[in-house]
Every structure is written in C-alpha cells, then in structure tokens.
Amino acid sequence: MLRIKKVSDIIGLKVFTDGGEVFGEIEEANLVDNKIDSWRIRINRSTSVANLFGNAKGVIVPHNFVKAVGDVVIISKAAIPVRELEEGE
C-alpha cells in the first residue's frame, strides 16, 4: 500500500545518495502549480560531497532526482555535479 506523507513530515529528513553517501538535510519544498517541483537541501559540510559545491550552503535538487522518501530521502547520484580535475591534480 502506498503511504502518502505530508510535506511538513519530510522537512528535516536526512538525505543520502543512491551510492550510500551522506548528502544533507531537506530544508524546503518548492511548489509549482500545487505540485512538488524541487527540494532545497542543506549540504552536510562534513562529507566529501560538500567539496563539489564550494562555499554553497545548500542546493536545489529537482524532484525527478528523488528516488525514495521514507525515514530518509534517497536522491540519484546524477544530481551531484562531477568535478573535473584541473591540470596538475
């Protein structure tokens, strides 16, 4: 049976990538035409993922990258930008 959650129940949930990496925490849902369009996620600064976003405190992830919502939120690793190596690295 499908369980429907309130958006207010999802705010504050921990976010992980589908690769098992800690990503952050849900801060806010962005609605368009009364449907969830995207999620604002506060990045967990103590993770390796945080390096990819520089000094940004958060990121907006489109809802289509969300794979599962339960006790935690799972997002697709495709939502994370790939950092290109510079010469000399």
Protein backbone atom coordinates (compact mmCIF):
# COMPACT_ATOMS: atom_id res chain seq x y z
CA MET A 1 0.00 0.00 0.00
CA LEU A 2 1.26 3.47 -0.89
CA ARG A 3 1.79 5.75 2.08
CA ILE A 4 1.38 9.42 1.45
CA LYS A 5 3.46 11.79 3.57
CA LYS A 6 2.83 15.41 4.28
CA VAL A 7 5.49 17.78 3.00
CA SER A 8 5.92 19.05 6.56
CA ASP A 9 6.89 15.49 7.62
CA ILE A 10 9.70 15.45 5.05
CA ILE A 11 11.30 18.74 6.12
CA GLY A 12 14.33 17.93 8.25
CA LEU A 13 14.86 14.39 6.93
CA LYS A 14 18.43 13.28 6.20
CA VAL A 15 19.33 12.95 2.52
CA PHE A 16 21.58 10.22 1.10
CA THR A 17 22.68 9.47 -2.46
CA ASP A 18 21.79 6.15 -4.04
CA GLY A 19 25.50 5.36 -3.65
CA GLY A 20 25.12 5.49 0.14
CA GLU A 21 26.87 8.84 0.70
CA VAL A 22 25.52 11.35 3.22
CA PHE A 23 24.34 14.41 1.31
CA GLY A 24 22.48 16.72 3.69
CA GLU A 25 19.05 17.55 5.07
CA ILE A 26 15.77 18.67 3.48
CA GLU A 27 15.12 22.36 4.21
CA GLU A 28 12.20 23.23 1.98
CA ALA A 29 9.94 22.03 -0.81
CA ASN A 30 9.49 24.24 -3.87
CA LEU A 31 5.98 24.01 -5.31
CA VAL A 32 4.75 24.82 -8.81
CA ASP A 33 1.04 24.52 -9.61
CA ASN A 34 0.50 22.85 -6.22
CA LYS A 35 2.98 20.04 -7.03
CA ILE A 36 6.49 19.50 -5.73
CA ASP A 37 8.95 20.80 -8.32
CA SER A 38 12.20 20.62 -6.36
CA TRP A 39 13.75 20.34 -2.91
CA ARG A 40 16.14 22.72 -1.19
CA ILE A 41 18.74 20.63 0.61
CA ARG A 42 21.24 21.93 3.15
CA ILE A 43 24.58 20.29 2.38
CA ASN A 44 26.28 18.42 5.19
CA ARG A 45 29.66 20.20 5.32
CA SER A 46 31.45 17.22 6.93
CA THR A 47 31.08 14.99 3.86
CA SER A 48 33.16 14.51 0.74
CA VAL A 49 30.17 15.63 -1.36
CA ALA A 50 30.42 19.13 0.16
CA ASN A 51 33.70 19.79 -1.70
CA LEU A 52 31.84 19.68 -5.02
CA PHE A 53 29.70 22.69 -4.07
CA GLY A 54 32.38 25.07 -2.84
CA ASN A 55 31.06 27.53 -0.27
CA ALA A 56 27.40 26.90 -1.08
CA LYS A 57 25.29 26.16 1.98
CA GLY A 58 22.66 24.30 0.02
CA VAL A 59 21.49 23.12 -3.34
CA ILE A 60 18.16 22.78 -5.11
CA VAL A 61 17.54 19.29 -6.45
CA PRO A 62 14.71 18.70 -8.95
CA HIS A 63 12.07 16.29 -7.68
CA ASN A 64 12.73 13.84 -10.51
CA PHE A 65 16.12 13.04 -8.88
CA VAL A 66 14.39 11.82 -5.70
CA LYS A 67 14.29 8.03 -5.73
CA ALA A 68 12.69 7.29 -2.35
CA VAL A 69 11.15 9.04 0.64
CA GLY A 70 10.75 7.20 3.92
CA ASP A 71 12.69 7.58 7.15
CA VAL A 72 15.35 9.22 4.96
CA VAL A 73 15.35 10.67 1.44
CA ILE A 74 17.37 8.95 -1.30
CA ILE A 75 18.44 11.02 -4.30
CA SER A 76 20.11 9.91 -7.51
CA LYS A 77 23.86 10.38 -7.65
CA ALA A 78 23.22 12.02 -11.04
CA ALA A 79 22.01 15.10 -9.10
CA ILE A 80 25.59 15.71 -7.94
CA PRO A 81 27.87 17.58 -10.34
CA VAL A 82 31.04 15.86 -11.46
CA ARG A 83 34.14 17.84 -10.57
CA GLU A 84 36.62 17.99 -13.42
CA LEU A 85 40.25 17.66 -12.46
CA GLU A 86 42.43 20.63 -13.25
CA GLU A 87 45.92 20.28 -14.69
CA GLY A 88 48.40 19.18 -12.06
CA GLU A 89 45.89 17.30 -9.91
